[in-house]
Amino acid sequence: MYLLIVPASTPFVLLATAMGLSWWEDHVLPSPPTERSNPRRGSVRPSGPCPARRTPRADTALTSEVVGR
């Protein structure tokens, strides 16, 4: 009977371990240093999404002109 307890309790032990490590990471470990913004330098913002490259049609032969090499 005791042999059935170990396989049945393994998921709960792993879950409790993961939750304990998560709590320990949030409350015990020191937080990473935050970067202070430099007022002399402008903030870097992304300009937007990259333009999508056109893909060749299925009926187009793959030549060096189509591939863009």
Protein backbone atom coordinates (compact mmCIF):
# COMPACT_ATOMS: atom_id res chain seq x y z
CA MET A 1 0.00 0.00 0.00
CA TYR A 2 2.82 2.39 0.82
CA LEU A 3 4.30 1.78 -2.61
CA LEU A 4 1.29 3.49 -4.19
CA ILE A 5 1.77 6.71 -2.21
CA VAL A 6 5.04 7.68 -3.90
CA PRO A 7 3.83 7.67 -7.53
CA ALA A 8 0.53 9.30 -6.57
CA SER A 9 2.16 12.12 -4.58
CA THR A 10 4.99 12.89 -7.02
CA PRO A 11 3.05 15.52 -9.07
CA PHE A 12 2.01 17.31 -5.88
CA VAL A 13 5.56 17.33 -4.54
CA LEU A 14 6.86 18.75 -7.83
CA LEU A 15 4.12 21.40 -7.86
CA ALA A 16 4.87 22.41 -4.27
CA THR A 17 8.58 22.61 -5.10
CA ALA A 18 7.96 24.83 -8.13
CA MET A 19 5.63 27.10 -6.15
CA GLY A 20 8.12 27.34 -3.28
CA LEU A 21 10.96 28.24 -5.63
CA SER A 22 8.78 30.86 -7.30
CA TRP A 23 7.94 32.42 -3.94
CA TRP A 24 11.61 32.31 -2.93
CA GLU A 25 12.62 34.00 -6.18
CA ASP A 26 10.07 36.78 -5.67
CA HIS A 27 10.63 37.45 -1.97
CA VAL A 28 14.13 36.36 -1.00
CA LEU A 29 16.41 36.97 -3.98
CA PRO A 30 17.55 40.56 -4.54
CA SER A 31 15.89 42.33 -7.43
CA PRO A 32 18.08 43.13 -10.45
CA PRO A 33 19.31 46.71 -10.69
CA THR A 34 17.11 48.93 -12.82
CA GLU A 35 18.56 51.13 -15.51
CA ARG A 36 18.08 54.82 -14.93
CA SER A 37 17.21 56.84 -17.96
CA ASN A 38 19.80 59.41 -18.92
CA PRO A 39 18.07 62.76 -19.54
CA ARG A 40 20.83 63.80 -21.96
CA ARG A 41 20.17 60.87 -24.22
CA GLY A 42 16.86 60.44 -25.99
CA SER A 43 14.85 57.34 -25.38
CA VAL A 44 15.15 54.69 -28.04
CA ARG A 45 11.82 53.63 -29.45
CA PRO A 46 11.29 51.12 -32.20
CA SER A 47 10.29 52.72 -35.48
CA GLY A 48 7.70 50.08 -36.23
CA PRO A 49 7.48 46.64 -37.69
CA CYS A 50 9.94 45.57 -40.35
CA PRO A 51 8.56 45.73 -43.85
CA ALA A 52 7.50 42.34 -45.12
CA ARG A 53 9.45 40.94 -48.03
CA ARG A 54 7.46 39.86 -51.01
CA THR A 55 7.51 36.14 -51.57
CA PRO A 56 7.59 34.82 -55.10
CA ARG A 57 4.46 33.30 -56.51
CA ALA A 58 4.20 29.53 -56.73
CA ASP A 59 4.26 29.52 -60.53
CA THR A 60 7.38 31.74 -60.77
CA ALA A 61 10.70 30.06 -61.49
CA LEU A 62 13.31 30.64 -58.80
CA THR A 63 15.94 32.65 -60.62
CA SER A 64 18.57 34.89 -59.08
CA GLU A 65 16.38 37.89 -59.92
CA VAL A 66 13.40 36.49 -58.01
CA VAL A 67 15.42 35.31 -55.03
CA GLY A 68 17.18 38.68 -54.74
CA ARG A 69 20.76 37.42 -54.60
